[in-house]
Protein backbone atom coordinates (compact mmCIF):
# COMPACT_ATOMS: atom_id res chain seq x y z
CA MET A 1 12.50 -54.72 -65.72
CA GLU A 2 13.96 -57.30 -63.41
CA THR A 3 12.54 -57.88 -59.95
CA SER A 4 14.13 -59.31 -56.84
CA GLY A 5 11.00 -61.22 -55.92
CA ILE A 6 7.24 -61.61 -55.74
CA HIS A 7 5.27 -60.75 -52.61
CA CYS A 8 1.79 -62.24 -52.48
CA ILE A 9 -0.62 -60.81 -49.90
CA ALA A 10 -3.96 -62.49 -49.21
CA GLU A 11 -6.93 -61.45 -47.10
CA LEU A 12 -8.97 -64.54 -46.15
CA TYR A 13 -12.56 -64.10 -44.98
CA ASP A 14 -15.31 -66.44 -43.77
CA CYS A 15 -12.83 -69.12 -42.68
CA PRO A 16 -13.94 -71.82 -40.20
CA LYS A 17 -13.06 -70.49 -36.76
CA HIS A 18 -11.85 -73.86 -35.48
CA LEU A 19 -9.20 -74.01 -38.24
CA LEU A 20 -7.99 -70.49 -37.52
CA ASN A 21 -7.40 -71.41 -33.89
CA ASP A 22 -5.65 -74.75 -34.57
CA GLU A 23 -1.91 -74.11 -34.33
CA VAL A 24 -0.95 -77.62 -35.47
CA TYR A 25 -3.22 -77.38 -38.54
CA ILE A 26 -1.83 -73.96 -39.42
CA GLN A 27 1.76 -75.17 -39.06
CA GLN A 28 1.03 -78.05 -41.44
CA SER A 29 -0.73 -75.70 -43.87
CA ILE A 30 2.36 -73.51 -44.00
CA ARG A 31 4.63 -76.53 -44.57
CA ASP A 32 2.35 -77.65 -47.39
CA ALA A 33 2.31 -74.12 -48.85
CA VAL A 34 6.13 -74.14 -48.88
CA LYS A 35 6.05 -77.43 -50.81
CA GLN A 36 3.36 -76.21 -53.22
CA GLY A 37 5.42 -73.08 -53.85
CA MET A 38 8.53 -75.20 -54.50
CA ALA A 39 10.46 -73.31 -51.82
CA THR A 40 13.09 -74.53 -49.36
CA LEU A 41 12.03 -74.65 -45.70
CA LEU A 42 14.72 -73.46 -43.27
CA HIS A 43 12.90 -72.83 -39.98
CA GLU A 44 9.39 -72.59 -38.50
CA VAL A 45 7.95 -70.69 -35.58
CA SER A 46 4.39 -70.27 -34.36
CA HIS A 47 2.48 -68.91 -31.41
CA SER A 48 -1.08 -69.44 -30.14
CA PHE A 49 -2.68 -66.44 -28.50
CA HIS A 50 -5.15 -66.72 -25.65
CA PRO A 51 -8.05 -66.76 -25.79
CA GLN A 52 -7.69 -67.22 -29.58
CA GLY A 53 -5.61 -66.64 -32.69
CA VAL A 54 -2.40 -67.98 -34.17
CA THR A 55 0.63 -66.45 -35.83
CA ALA A 56 2.90 -68.78 -37.79
CA LEU A 57 5.94 -68.15 -39.94
CA ALA A 58 8.15 -70.27 -42.15
CA LEU A 59 11.58 -68.93 -42.95
CA ILE A 60 12.42 -70.19 -46.42
CA ALA A 61 15.64 -69.89 -48.39
CA GLU A 62 13.70 -67.68 -50.81
CA SER A 63 12.28 -65.41 -48.01
CA HIS A 64 9.15 -66.21 -45.93
CA VAL A 65 5.59 -67.54 -45.59
CA ALA A 66 3.42 -66.09 -42.81
CA ILE A 67 -0.16 -66.22 -41.56
CA HIS A 68 -1.93 -64.37 -38.76
CA THR A 69 -5.44 -65.41 -37.68
CA TRP A 70 -8.40 -63.80 -35.95
CA PRO A 71 -10.85 -66.69 -35.35
CA GLU A 72 -13.42 -64.41 -33.75
CA TYR A 73 -13.82 -62.72 -37.17
CA GLY A 74 -13.24 -65.77 -39.36
CA TYR A 75 -10.32 -63.81 -40.83
CA ALA A 76 -6.68 -64.54 -41.64
CA ALA A 77 -3.94 -62.43 -43.21
CA ALA A 78 -1.34 -64.33 -45.21
CA ASP A 79 1.75 -63.24 -47.03
CA VAL A 80 4.37 -65.05 -49.03
CA PHE A 81 7.55 -63.50 -50.37
CA THR A 82 9.79 -65.47 -52.71
CA CYS A 83 12.93 -64.55 -54.60
CA GLY A 84 14.53 -66.38 -57.49
CA ASP A 85 13.16 -68.22 -60.48
CA ARG A 86 12.13 -71.54 -58.91
CA ALA A 87 9.77 -70.71 -56.02
CA SER A 88 6.22 -69.47 -56.60
CA ALA A 89 4.69 -67.08 -54.06
CA ILE A 90 1.38 -67.26 -55.91
CA ARG A 91 1.12 -71.06 -55.67
CA ALA A 92 2.01 -70.99 -51.97
CA CYS A 93 -0.51 -68.23 -51.29
CA GLU A 94 -3.24 -70.07 -53.19
CA HIS A 95 -2.57 -73.14 -51.06
CA LEU A 96 -3.06 -71.11 -47.86
CA ILE A 97 -6.37 -69.77 -49.19
CA GLN A 98 -7.56 -73.32 -49.88
CA SER A 99 -6.29 -74.83 -46.64
CA MET A 100 -7.95 -72.12 -44.53
CA LYS A 101 -11.17 -72.84 -46.46
CA ALA A 102 -11.77 -69.14 -47.09
CA GLY A 103 -15.33 -68.39 -48.17
CA ARG A 104 -14.01 -65.31 -49.94
CA HIS A 105 -10.63 -63.72 -50.34
CA THR A 106 -8.55 -61.09 -52.06
CA MET A 107 -5.02 -61.66 -53.27
CA ARG A 108 -2.46 -59.11 -54.42
CA LYS A 109 0.83 -59.70 -56.19
CA LEU A 110 3.59 -57.16 -55.65
CA GLU A 111 6.78 -57.17 -57.66
CA ARG A 112 9.58 -56.28 -55.25
CA GLY A 113 12.93 -54.66 -56.02
CA MET A 114 12.10 -53.46 -59.52
CA ALA A 115 14.62 -50.60 -59.31
CA ILE A 116 17.63 -52.66 -58.19
CA ASN A 117 19.23 -52.44 -61.64
CA GLY A 118 17.72 -49.14 -62.72
CA SER A 119 16.13 -45.89 -61.69
CA VAL A 120 12.77 -45.45 -60.09
CA ASP A 121 10.27 -42.64 -60.53
CA SER A 122 8.72 -43.05 -57.09
CA PRO A 123 9.46 -41.39 -53.74
CA ASN A 124 12.69 -42.38 -51.98
CA SER A 125 11.50 -42.06 -48.40
CA LEU A 126 8.45 -42.47 -46.21
CA SER A 127 8.05 -38.70 -45.83
CA GLU A 128 8.12 -38.29 -49.63
CA SER A 129 5.57 -41.09 -49.95
CA MET A 130 3.33 -39.39 -47.42
CA ALA A 131 3.65 -36.09 -49.33
CA VAL A 132 2.72 -37.80 -52.60
CA MET A 133 -0.31 -39.46 -50.97
CA ALA A 134 -1.37 -36.16 -49.36
CA GLY A 135 -0.98 -34.37 -52.70
CA ALA A 136 -3.05 -37.01 -54.47
CA ALA A 137 -5.81 -36.65 -51.88
CA GLY A 138 -5.94 -32.86 -52.15
C-alpha cells in the first residue's frame, strides 16, 4: 500500500536539563534535524516558557519537525512528519534524540495516509474508534 508520509514520534528521557531549557540550542537542533532528514525548511517558530521549558517547530515543505521540553523532568517529546520520497522523518528524529543527549528514548514510526488510494478496515470517526477501544477492553 502507498502512504502519504511517515510520522516519527520520540519520547526522550534523562536529557540534560540545561539543554532542554536552551531555546537557541533547540532551534539549532531542529535546523540540523531538518538538514539530516533532507527536508526543506520553510519557517521556524519557538517559545520559551517561564520558569522553564521550550516549544519549537519547523515548518518544512514536507510537513513539520517539532519538540516540546520539560526540563524539570529531563524529558522532551519530539515528532517529525515527512511526505514524499526524499525526506526522512526517521533520520531527523534520530538527530533530535542525539542532540538532546537522551539517556534513554522510545521512537515510533507511523505510516500516514495508507488508505488514500484504497479502502480501510478501521473506524471512520473518533466515536467509532472509542467504541472499538472500549470493546477491546471489555
